[in-house]
Amino acid sequence: MRIITARAASTAILAFTIGCTGTGEGPFEPAASTASRAAARCENLSVEGTAALGLIEVAPGVFTLGALPTPVTIAGIAGLLSSAVTSLDDSGKLGQGAQHISLVHTFVAPEGTFTTRDRAVCAPAGKDANVCRVNDVLSVVTGTGVFANAAGSLRNHGVIDLNTFSLSISLRGRVCGDGL
């Protein structure tokens, strides 16, 4: 069993905070073609709340930090949103600055699913090294069911608190799918 280090875990926790929308194309931005998607197949969304952080098994015996499945409603569809850290980079020679985190977020509901890929930055939030402010940009990359041919982007601002192993979420953006 491989487990992410304590330092990486704290950074990974910060990564759950979901966020995005942006302009232009890039690895974490939607392609220009998604901007022309019919408004009838897209939904604006706003999610506020708190998620528990924990270890997520991403492969047999391989664990990483992430947000445990949390009930949310997106585009009028009730489901579970979770995240998993895919990579973590400290800034500064001693890791004393912000953490740069890559993540995958997954929304699962009986009507369909969608997945995002994103980068987050978790910056120190005061004197407590176990608390950071997280900002991330999420690009919707795949979907099934009502989210087939998924597109869109989200922006999140939150706080990761490793003292309570929790993440506050303030997510805004737009998700598109054939069934919306």
N, C-alpha and C. Protein backbone atom coordinates (compact mmCIF):
# COMPACT_ATOMS: atom_id res chain seq x y z
N MET A 1 0.84 -1.17 0.00
CA MET A 1 0.00 0.00 0.00
C MET A 1 0.89 1.24 0.00
N ARG A 2 0.62 2.19 -0.90
CA ARG A 2 1.38 3.43 -0.99
C ARG A 2 0.50 4.56 -0.51
N ILE A 3 1.02 5.37 0.39
CA ILE A 3 0.24 6.48 0.93
C ILE A 3 1.03 7.76 0.73
N ILE A 4 0.34 8.80 0.40
CA ILE A 4 0.94 10.10 0.17
C ILE A 4 1.53 10.60 1.49
N THR A 5 2.59 11.38 1.48
CA THR A 5 3.24 11.86 2.70
C THR A 5 2.33 12.84 3.44
N ALA A 6 2.64 13.10 4.70
CA ALA A 6 1.83 14.03 5.50
C ALA A 6 1.82 15.40 4.86
N ARG A 7 2.97 15.86 4.37
CA ARG A 7 3.05 17.17 3.73
C ARG A 7 2.19 17.18 2.47
N ALA A 8 2.28 16.12 1.69
CA ALA A 8 1.48 16.02 0.48
C ALA A 8 0.01 15.91 0.83
N ALA A 9 -0.31 15.24 1.91
CA ALA A 9 -1.70 15.09 2.31
C ALA A 9 -2.30 16.45 2.64
N SER A 10 -1.56 17.28 3.33
CA SER A 10 -2.09 18.59 3.66
C SER A 10 -2.31 19.41 2.41
N THR A 11 -1.44 19.28 1.48
CA THR A 11 -1.60 20.00 0.23
C THR A 11 -2.76 19.43 -0.56
N ALA A 12 -2.89 18.14 -0.56
CA ALA A 12 -3.95 17.49 -1.31
C ALA A 12 -5.30 17.88 -0.77
N ILE A 13 -5.40 17.99 0.51
CA ILE A 13 -6.67 18.36 1.11
C ILE A 13 -7.09 19.72 0.59
N LEU A 14 -6.15 20.57 0.47
CA LEU A 14 -6.45 21.90 -0.01
C LEU A 14 -6.96 21.87 -1.42
N ALA A 15 -6.61 20.86 -2.13
CA ALA A 15 -6.94 20.78 -3.52
C ALA A 15 -8.39 20.50 -3.80
N PHE A 16 -9.12 20.01 -2.86
CA PHE A 16 -10.50 19.66 -3.15
C PHE A 16 -11.32 20.88 -3.52
N THR A 17 -10.99 21.97 -2.95
CA THR A 17 -11.79 23.14 -3.21
C THR A 17 -11.87 23.31 -4.70
N ILE A 18 -13.05 23.28 -5.18
CA ILE A 18 -13.24 23.27 -6.60
C ILE A 18 -13.42 24.67 -7.12
N GLY A 19 -12.96 24.89 -8.28
CA GLY A 19 -13.16 26.19 -8.85
C GLY A 19 -12.75 26.20 -10.27
N CYS A 20 -13.26 27.20 -10.99
CA CYS A 20 -12.76 27.37 -12.32
C CYS A 20 -13.40 28.48 -13.06
N THR A 21 -13.77 28.31 -14.22
CA THR A 21 -14.10 29.18 -15.32
C THR A 21 -12.93 30.06 -15.63
N GLY A 22 -12.73 30.16 -16.85
CA GLY A 22 -11.63 30.97 -17.31
C GLY A 22 -11.88 31.35 -18.73
N THR A 23 -10.95 32.04 -19.29
CA THR A 23 -11.07 32.41 -20.67
C THR A 23 -9.89 31.86 -21.41
N GLY A 24 -10.10 31.56 -22.63
CA GLY A 24 -9.00 31.05 -23.43
C GLY A 24 -8.87 29.55 -23.28
N GLU A 25 -8.02 29.00 -24.12
CA GLU A 25 -7.82 27.57 -24.10
C GLU A 25 -6.53 27.25 -23.38
N GLY A 26 -6.42 26.04 -22.93
CA GLY A 26 -5.24 25.56 -22.25
C GLY A 26 -5.59 24.23 -21.62
N PRO A 27 -4.65 23.63 -20.92
CA PRO A 27 -4.90 22.30 -20.37
C PRO A 27 -6.03 22.29 -19.35
N PHE A 28 -6.36 23.43 -18.77
CA PHE A 28 -7.43 23.46 -17.77
C PHE A 28 -8.56 24.38 -18.17
N GLU A 29 -8.62 24.72 -19.42
CA GLU A 29 -9.68 25.57 -19.93
C GLU A 29 -10.45 24.83 -21.01
N PRO A 30 -11.75 25.11 -21.15
CA PRO A 30 -12.52 24.45 -22.19
C PRO A 30 -12.10 24.93 -23.57
N ALA A 31 -12.25 24.08 -24.55
CA ALA A 31 -11.94 24.46 -25.92
C ALA A 31 -12.92 25.53 -26.37
N ALA A 32 -12.51 26.34 -27.32
CA ALA A 32 -13.34 27.43 -27.81
C ALA A 32 -14.68 26.93 -28.32
N SER A 33 -14.74 25.72 -28.85
CA SER A 33 -15.99 25.18 -29.38
C SER A 33 -17.05 25.03 -28.30
N THR A 34 -16.68 24.88 -27.06
CA THR A 34 -17.68 24.74 -26.00
C THR A 34 -18.37 26.06 -25.72
N ALA A 35 -17.73 27.17 -26.06
CA ALA A 35 -18.34 28.47 -25.81
C ALA A 35 -19.58 28.65 -26.67
N SER A 36 -19.67 27.96 -27.81
CA SER A 36 -20.80 28.12 -28.69
C SER A 36 -21.93 27.13 -28.40
N ARG A 37 -21.76 26.28 -27.40
CA ARG A 37 -22.78 25.29 -27.06
C ARG A 37 -24.10 26.00 -26.77
N ALA A 38 -25.20 25.43 -27.23
CA ALA A 38 -26.52 26.01 -27.02
C ALA A 38 -26.79 26.19 -25.53
N ALA A 39 -27.31 27.35 -25.16
CA ALA A 39 -27.60 27.65 -23.76
C ALA A 39 -28.58 26.65 -23.16
N ALA A 40 -29.44 26.07 -23.97
CA ALA A 40 -30.43 25.12 -23.47
C ALA A 40 -29.78 23.85 -22.94
N ARG A 41 -28.54 23.57 -23.33
CA ARG A 41 -27.86 22.36 -22.87
C ARG A 41 -26.80 22.68 -21.83
N CYS A 42 -26.86 23.84 -21.24
CA CYS A 42 -25.90 24.25 -20.21
C CYS A 42 -26.66 24.78 -19.01
N GLU A 43 -26.05 24.61 -17.85
CA GLU A 43 -26.63 25.11 -16.61
C GLU A 43 -25.57 25.84 -15.82
N ASN A 44 -25.91 27.03 -15.33
CA ASN A 44 -25.04 27.73 -14.39
C ASN A 44 -25.22 27.05 -13.04
N LEU A 45 -24.17 27.05 -12.24
CA LEU A 45 -24.29 26.41 -10.94
C LEU A 45 -23.57 27.20 -9.86
N SER A 46 -24.05 26.97 -8.66
CA SER A 46 -23.47 27.57 -7.47
C SER A 46 -23.60 26.54 -6.36
N VAL A 47 -22.48 26.17 -5.75
CA VAL A 47 -22.47 25.20 -4.67
C VAL A 47 -21.69 25.79 -3.51
N GLU A 48 -22.30 25.79 -2.34
CA GLU A 48 -21.65 26.25 -1.11
C GLU A 48 -21.74 25.12 -0.10
N GLY A 49 -20.70 24.92 0.68
CA GLY A 49 -20.79 23.90 1.71
C GLY A 49 -19.44 23.49 2.25
N THR A 50 -19.44 22.35 2.90
CA THR A 50 -18.24 21.81 3.52
C THR A 50 -18.14 20.33 3.15
N ALA A 51 -16.92 19.91 2.86
CA ALA A 51 -16.65 18.50 2.55
C ALA A 51 -15.62 17.96 3.53
N ALA A 52 -15.76 16.70 3.85
CA ALA A 52 -14.76 16.02 4.69
C ALA A 52 -13.61 15.58 3.81
N LEU A 53 -12.40 15.68 4.31
CA LEU A 53 -11.21 15.23 3.60
C LEU A 53 -10.80 13.87 4.13
N GLY A 54 -10.24 13.07 3.26
CA GLY A 54 -9.79 11.75 3.68
C GLY A 54 -8.93 11.11 2.61
N LEU A 55 -8.55 9.87 2.84
CA LEU A 55 -7.76 9.14 1.86
C LEU A 55 -8.70 8.46 0.88
N ILE A 56 -8.39 8.61 -0.41
CA ILE A 56 -9.18 8.04 -1.49
C ILE A 56 -8.32 6.98 -2.18
N GLU A 57 -8.87 5.80 -2.37
CA GLU A 57 -8.13 4.75 -3.09
C GLU A 57 -8.30 4.99 -4.58
N VAL A 58 -7.20 5.29 -5.27
CA VAL A 58 -7.22 5.60 -6.69
C VAL A 58 -6.83 4.41 -7.55
N ALA A 59 -6.24 3.42 -6.96
CA ALA A 59 -5.88 2.16 -7.60
C ALA A 59 -5.71 1.16 -6.46
N PRO A 60 -5.77 -0.12 -6.75
CA PRO A 60 -5.63 -1.09 -5.66
C PRO A 60 -4.38 -0.84 -4.81
N GLY A 61 -4.58 -0.54 -3.54
CA GLY A 61 -3.48 -0.30 -2.62
C GLY A 61 -2.80 1.05 -2.74
N VAL A 62 -3.33 1.94 -3.60
CA VAL A 62 -2.74 3.28 -3.79
C VAL A 62 -3.76 4.31 -3.32
N PHE A 63 -3.35 5.14 -2.36
CA PHE A 63 -4.24 6.12 -1.75
C PHE A 63 -3.69 7.53 -1.95
N THR A 64 -4.60 8.49 -2.03
CA THR A 64 -4.23 9.89 -2.10
C THR A 64 -5.27 10.69 -1.31
N LEU A 65 -4.94 11.90 -1.03
CA LEU A 65 -5.85 12.77 -0.30
C LEU A 65 -6.93 13.29 -1.24
N GLY A 66 -8.10 13.49 -0.72
CA GLY A 66 -9.17 14.06 -1.53
C GLY A 66 -10.37 14.37 -0.68
N ALA A 67 -11.38 14.90 -1.35
CA ALA A 67 -12.64 15.18 -0.68
C ALA A 67 -13.51 13.94 -0.80
N LEU A 68 -14.03 13.50 0.32
CA LEU A 68 -14.90 12.34 0.33
C LEU A 68 -16.23 12.70 -0.35
N PRO A 69 -16.95 11.72 -0.90
CA PRO A 69 -18.21 12.03 -1.58
C PRO A 69 -19.12 12.89 -0.71
N THR A 70 -19.53 14.02 -1.29
CA THR A 70 -20.33 15.01 -0.58
C THR A 70 -21.60 15.27 -1.36
N PRO A 71 -22.78 15.22 -0.72
CA PRO A 71 -24.03 15.48 -1.44
C PRO A 71 -24.10 16.93 -1.94
N VAL A 72 -24.38 17.09 -3.23
CA VAL A 72 -24.57 18.40 -3.84
C VAL A 72 -25.65 18.27 -4.91
N THR A 73 -26.21 19.40 -5.32
CA THR A 73 -27.16 19.43 -6.42
C THR A 73 -26.57 20.30 -7.51
N ILE A 74 -26.43 19.72 -8.70
CA ILE A 74 -25.87 20.42 -9.85
C ILE A 74 -26.86 20.29 -11.00
N ALA A 75 -27.23 21.41 -11.59
CA ALA A 75 -28.19 21.44 -12.69
C ALA A 75 -29.50 20.77 -12.30
N GLY A 76 -29.90 20.93 -11.03
CA GLY A 76 -31.12 20.34 -10.54
C GLY A 76 -31.03 18.84 -10.28
N ILE A 77 -29.84 18.28 -10.37
CA ILE A 77 -29.63 16.85 -10.20
C ILE A 77 -28.88 16.60 -8.90
N ALA A 78 -29.47 15.82 -8.01
CA ALA A 78 -28.83 15.50 -6.73
C ALA A 78 -27.84 14.36 -6.95
N GLY A 79 -26.63 14.54 -6.43
CA GLY A 79 -25.61 13.51 -6.57
C GLY A 79 -24.51 13.70 -5.55
N LEU A 80 -23.39 13.03 -5.79
CA LEU A 80 -22.23 13.10 -4.90
C LEU A 80 -21.04 13.64 -5.66
N LEU A 81 -20.35 14.61 -5.06
CA LEU A 81 -19.15 15.20 -5.64
C LEU A 81 -17.96 14.78 -4.77
N SER A 82 -16.91 14.30 -5.42
CA SER A 82 -15.69 13.92 -4.70
C SER A 82 -14.48 14.38 -5.50
N SER A 83 -13.31 14.30 -4.89
CA SER A 83 -12.09 14.70 -5.58
C SER A 83 -10.93 13.81 -5.15
N ALA A 84 -9.91 13.81 -5.98
CA ALA A 84 -8.68 13.08 -5.64
C ALA A 84 -7.50 13.88 -6.17
N VAL A 85 -6.46 14.00 -5.37
CA VAL A 85 -5.24 14.70 -5.77
C VAL A 85 -4.45 13.80 -6.72
N THR A 86 -4.03 14.35 -7.85
CA THR A 86 -3.23 13.57 -8.80
C THR A 86 -1.76 13.96 -8.78
N SER A 87 -1.45 15.18 -8.34
CA SER A 87 -0.05 15.57 -8.14
C SER A 87 0.00 16.79 -7.23
N LEU A 88 1.18 16.98 -6.63
CA LEU A 88 1.37 18.03 -5.64
C LEU A 88 2.78 18.59 -5.77
N ASP A 89 2.88 19.91 -5.83
CA ASP A 89 4.18 20.57 -5.92
C ASP A 89 4.25 21.69 -4.90
N ASP A 90 5.29 21.65 -4.06
CA ASP A 90 5.53 22.74 -3.11
C ASP A 90 6.15 23.91 -3.86
N SER A 91 5.96 25.10 -3.34
CA SER A 91 6.68 26.24 -3.89
C SER A 91 7.73 26.66 -2.87
N GLY A 92 8.79 27.19 -3.33
CA GLY A 92 9.89 27.57 -2.45
C GLY A 92 10.78 26.38 -2.15
N LYS A 93 12.01 26.66 -1.81
CA LYS A 93 12.98 25.60 -1.54
C LYS A 93 12.56 24.69 -0.39
N LEU A 94 11.89 25.25 0.60
CA LEU A 94 11.50 24.48 1.77
C LEU A 94 9.99 24.22 1.81
N GLY A 95 9.32 24.49 0.71
CA GLY A 95 7.88 24.28 0.68
C GLY A 95 7.12 25.25 1.55
N GLN A 96 7.70 26.43 1.81
CA GLN A 96 7.10 27.38 2.74
C GLN A 96 6.00 28.22 2.11
N GLY A 97 5.83 28.15 0.81
CA GLY A 97 4.82 28.96 0.14
C GLY A 97 3.59 28.17 -0.21
N ALA A 98 2.95 28.60 -1.26
CA ALA A 98 1.73 27.95 -1.72
C ALA A 98 2.01 26.55 -2.25
N GLN A 99 1.01 25.72 -2.18
CA GLN A 99 1.06 24.37 -2.74
C GLN A 99 0.31 24.41 -4.07
N HIS A 100 0.85 23.74 -5.08
CA HIS A 100 0.20 23.65 -6.39
C HIS A 100 -0.28 22.21 -6.53
N ILE A 101 -1.58 22.05 -6.72
CA ILE A 101 -2.19 20.73 -6.67
C ILE A 101 -2.96 20.47 -7.96
N SER A 102 -2.78 19.29 -8.53
CA SER A 102 -3.62 18.85 -9.65
C SER A 102 -4.63 17.88 -9.09
N LEU A 103 -5.87 17.96 -9.59
CA LEU A 103 -6.96 17.15 -9.06
C LEU A 103 -7.87 16.63 -10.16
N VAL A 104 -8.62 15.63 -9.79
CA VAL A 104 -9.73 15.14 -10.58
C VAL A 104 -10.95 15.20 -9.66
N HIS A 105 -12.04 15.80 -10.14
CA HIS A 105 -13.30 15.84 -9.40
C HIS A 105 -14.31 15.00 -10.19
N THR A 106 -15.18 14.31 -9.45
CA THR A 106 -16.19 13.49 -10.10
C THR A 106 -17.54 13.75 -9.45
N PHE A 107 -18.55 14.01 -10.30
CA PHE A 107 -19.93 14.15 -9.85
C PHE A 107 -20.66 12.91 -10.33
N VAL A 108 -21.32 12.20 -9.42
CA VAL A 108 -22.02 10.96 -9.75
C VAL A 108 -23.47 11.07 -9.30
N ALA A 109 -24.38 10.78 -10.23
CA ALA A 109 -25.82 10.76 -9.95
C ALA A 109 -26.45 9.70 -10.82
N PRO A 110 -27.64 9.22 -10.47
CA PRO A 110 -28.30 8.22 -11.30
C PRO A 110 -28.52 8.70 -12.74
N GLU A 111 -28.71 10.00 -12.93
CA GLU A 111 -28.97 10.55 -14.26
C GLU A 111 -27.72 10.67 -15.12
N GLY A 112 -26.54 10.65 -14.50
CA GLY A 112 -25.30 10.77 -15.25
C GLY A 112 -24.15 11.25 -14.38
N THR A 113 -22.97 11.26 -14.97
CA THR A 113 -21.76 11.68 -14.25
C THR A 113 -20.97 12.66 -15.10
N PHE A 114 -20.11 13.42 -14.45
CA PHE A 114 -19.10 14.18 -15.18
C PHE A 114 -17.83 14.26 -14.34
N THR A 115 -16.72 14.47 -15.05
CA THR A 115 -15.41 14.53 -14.42
C THR A 115 -14.72 15.82 -14.83
N THR A 116 -13.97 16.39 -13.89
CA THR A 116 -13.17 17.58 -14.19
C THR A 116 -11.70 17.27 -13.96
N ARG A 117 -10.87 18.07 -14.57
CA ARG A 117 -9.44 18.09 -14.27
C ARG A 117 -9.12 19.53 -13.93
N ASP A 118 -8.26 19.70 -12.96
CA ASP A 118 -7.98 21.07 -12.58
C ASP A 118 -6.68 21.21 -11.83
N ARG A 119 -6.29 22.47 -11.67
CA ARG A 119 -5.13 22.85 -10.87
C ARG A 119 -5.63 23.77 -9.78
N ALA A 120 -5.09 23.57 -8.60
CA ALA A 120 -5.46 24.41 -7.46
C ALA A 120 -4.19 24.98 -6.85
N VAL A 121 -4.35 26.12 -6.21
CA VAL A 121 -3.27 26.71 -5.44
C VAL A 121 -3.80 26.88 -4.03
N CYS A 122 -3.03 26.36 -3.07
CA CYS A 122 -3.40 26.49 -1.68
C CYS A 122 -2.34 27.35 -0.99
N ALA A 123 -2.75 28.55 -0.61
CA ALA A 123 -1.81 29.50 -0.01
C ALA A 123 -2.02 29.57 1.50
N PRO A 124 -0.95 29.79 2.23
CA PRO A 124 -1.08 29.91 3.69
C PRO A 124 -2.15 30.93 4.06
N ALA A 125 -2.92 30.61 5.10
CA ALA A 125 -4.01 31.48 5.55
C ALA A 125 -3.78 31.87 7.00
N GLY A 126 -2.72 32.59 7.24
CA GLY A 126 -2.43 32.99 8.61
C GLY A 126 -1.29 32.19 9.20
N LYS A 127 -1.23 32.16 10.53
CA LYS A 127 -0.11 31.53 11.23
C LYS A 127 -0.23 30.02 11.37
N ASP A 128 -1.42 29.47 11.21
CA ASP A 128 -1.62 28.04 11.37
C ASP A 128 -1.23 27.32 10.07
N ALA A 129 -0.16 26.55 10.11
CA ALA A 129 0.33 25.86 8.91
C ALA A 129 -0.63 24.79 8.41
N ASN A 130 -1.62 24.43 9.21
CA ASN A 130 -2.60 23.42 8.81
C ASN A 130 -3.82 24.00 8.11
N VAL A 131 -3.81 25.30 7.86
CA VAL A 131 -4.95 25.95 7.22
C VAL A 131 -4.45 26.73 6.01
N CYS A 132 -5.14 26.56 4.88
CA CYS A 132 -4.77 27.34 3.69
C CYS A 132 -6.02 27.71 2.89
N ARG A 133 -5.88 28.78 2.13
CA ARG A 133 -6.93 29.22 1.22
C ARG A 133 -6.66 28.58 -0.12
N VAL A 134 -7.68 27.95 -0.64
CA VAL A 134 -7.52 27.24 -1.90
C VAL A 134 -8.35 27.91 -2.99
N ASN A 135 -7.77 27.99 -4.16
CA ASN A 135 -8.43 28.50 -5.36
C ASN A 135 -8.11 27.54 -6.47
N ASP A 136 -9.14 27.12 -7.19
CA ASP A 136 -8.84 26.29 -8.32
C ASP A 136 -9.79 26.51 -9.47
N VAL A 137 -9.31 26.07 -10.62
CA VAL A 137 -10.03 26.18 -11.88
C VAL A 137 -10.25 24.76 -12.38
N LEU A 138 -11.51 24.41 -12.60
CA LEU A 138 -11.86 23.07 -13.04
C LEU A 138 -12.41 23.12 -14.46
N SER A 139 -11.94 22.24 -15.29
CA SER A 139 -12.48 22.09 -16.64
C SER A 139 -13.21 20.76 -16.72
N VAL A 140 -14.47 20.80 -17.16
CA VAL A 140 -15.25 19.59 -17.33
C VAL A 140 -14.71 18.87 -18.56
N VAL A 141 -14.30 17.59 -18.39
CA VAL A 141 -13.63 16.88 -19.49
C VAL A 141 -14.39 15.67 -20.01
N THR A 142 -15.23 15.03 -19.21
CA THR A 142 -15.99 13.88 -19.69
C THR A 142 -17.33 13.84 -18.99
N GLY A 143 -18.27 13.11 -19.59
CA GLY A 143 -19.58 12.95 -18.97
C GLY A 143 -20.34 11.78 -19.55
N THR A 144 -21.35 11.34 -18.80
CA THR A 144 -22.24 10.26 -19.23
C THR A 144 -23.67 10.68 -18.95
N GLY A 145 -24.63 9.93 -19.47
CA GLY A 145 -26.04 10.21 -19.21
C GLY A 145 -26.40 11.62 -19.63
N VAL A 146 -27.09 12.38 -18.78
CA VAL A 146 -27.48 13.74 -19.13
C VAL A 146 -26.27 14.64 -19.35
N PHE A 147 -25.12 14.21 -18.87
CA PHE A 147 -23.88 14.99 -19.06
C PHE A 147 -23.05 14.48 -20.24
N ALA A 148 -23.62 13.65 -21.10
CA ALA A 148 -22.89 13.16 -22.28
C ALA A 148 -22.40 14.36 -23.08
N ASN A 149 -21.25 14.25 -23.68
CA ASN A 149 -20.60 15.35 -24.41
C ASN A 149 -20.42 16.56 -23.49
N ALA A 150 -20.01 16.29 -22.27
CA ALA A 150 -19.88 17.32 -21.23
C ALA A 150 -18.85 18.38 -21.60
N ALA A 151 -19.10 19.56 -21.10
CA ALA A 151 -18.19 20.69 -21.27
C ALA A 151 -18.47 21.66 -20.12
N GLY A 152 -17.67 22.68 -20.03
CA GLY A 152 -17.90 23.71 -19.03
C GLY A 152 -16.68 23.92 -18.16
N SER A 153 -16.81 24.87 -17.28
CA SER A 153 -15.73 25.15 -16.35
C SER A 153 -16.31 25.70 -15.05
N LEU A 154 -15.56 25.51 -13.99
CA LEU A 154 -15.98 25.90 -12.65
C LEU A 154 -14.84 26.61 -11.96
N ARG A 155 -15.17 27.43 -10.99
CA ARG A 155 -14.18 28.13 -10.18
C ARG A 155 -14.53 27.90 -8.72
N ASN A 156 -13.52 27.58 -7.93
CA ASN A 156 -13.77 27.36 -6.52
C ASN A 156 -12.83 28.20 -5.67
N HIS A 157 -13.35 28.65 -4.55
CA HIS A 157 -12.57 29.35 -3.54
C HIS A 157 -12.98 28.71 -2.22
N GLY A 158 -12.01 28.33 -1.43
CA GLY A 158 -12.35 27.69 -0.16
C GLY A 158 -11.20 27.71 0.81
N VAL A 159 -11.40 27.00 1.90
CA VAL A 159 -10.39 26.90 2.94
C VAL A 159 -10.22 25.43 3.28
N ILE A 160 -8.97 24.98 3.30
CA ILE A 160 -8.66 23.63 3.74
C ILE A 160 -8.14 23.74 5.16
N ASP A 161 -8.74 22.96 6.03
CA ASP A 161 -8.35 22.97 7.43
C ASP A 161 -7.96 21.55 7.82
N LEU A 162 -6.66 21.31 7.96
CA LEU A 162 -6.19 19.98 8.32
C LEU A 162 -6.35 19.69 9.80
N ASN A 163 -6.69 20.70 10.59
CA ASN A 163 -6.99 20.46 12.00
C ASN A 163 -8.31 19.71 12.13
N THR A 164 -9.27 20.05 11.27
CA THR A 164 -10.59 19.42 11.29
C THR A 164 -10.79 18.48 10.10
N PHE A 165 -9.80 18.39 9.23
CA PHE A 165 -9.85 17.58 8.01
C PHE A 165 -11.10 17.91 7.21
N SER A 166 -11.27 19.23 6.97
CA SER A 166 -12.45 19.69 6.23
C SER A 166 -12.05 20.70 5.16
N LEU A 167 -12.94 20.87 4.22
CA LEU A 167 -12.75 21.81 3.12
C LEU A 167 -14.03 22.59 2.95
N SER A 168 -13.93 23.91 2.99
CA SER A 168 -15.10 24.72 2.66
C SER A 168 -15.10 24.92 1.15
N ILE A 169 -16.28 24.92 0.57
CA ILE A 169 -16.43 24.99 -0.88
C ILE A 169 -17.31 26.19 -1.24
N SER A 170 -16.87 26.94 -2.22
CA SER A 170 -17.68 27.99 -2.84
C SER A 170 -17.44 27.88 -4.33
N LEU A 171 -18.28 27.10 -4.98
CA LEU A 171 -18.09 26.71 -6.38
C LEU A 171 -19.09 27.43 -7.27
N ARG A 172 -18.59 28.00 -8.35
CA ARG A 172 -19.42 28.69 -9.34
C ARG A 172 -18.97 28.28 -10.72
N GLY A 173 -19.89 28.26 -11.65
CA GLY A 173 -19.50 27.96 -13.01
C GLY A 173 -20.65 27.53 -13.88
N ARG A 174 -20.30 26.76 -14.91
CA ARG A 174 -21.26 26.33 -15.92
C ARG A 174 -20.90 24.92 -16.35
N VAL A 175 -21.90 24.06 -16.40
CA VAL A 175 -21.70 22.69 -16.88
C VAL A 175 -22.70 22.45 -18.03
N CYS A 176 -22.22 21.76 -19.06
CA CYS A 176 -23.04 21.49 -20.24
C CYS A 176 -23.07 19.98 -20.49
N GLY A 177 -24.18 19.53 -21.04
CA GLY A 177 -24.33 18.13 -21.42
C GLY A 177 -25.53 17.98 -22.34
N ASP A 178 -25.54 16.95 -23.13
CA ASP A 178 -26.60 16.74 -24.12
C ASP A 178 -27.99 16.65 -23.51
N GLY A 179 -28.08 16.17 -22.26
CA GLY A 179 -29.40 15.98 -21.64
C GLY A 179 -29.84 17.12 -20.75
N LEU A 180 -29.07 18.19 -20.70
CA LEU A 180 -29.47 19.32 -19.83
C LEU A 180 -30.37 20.29 -20.57
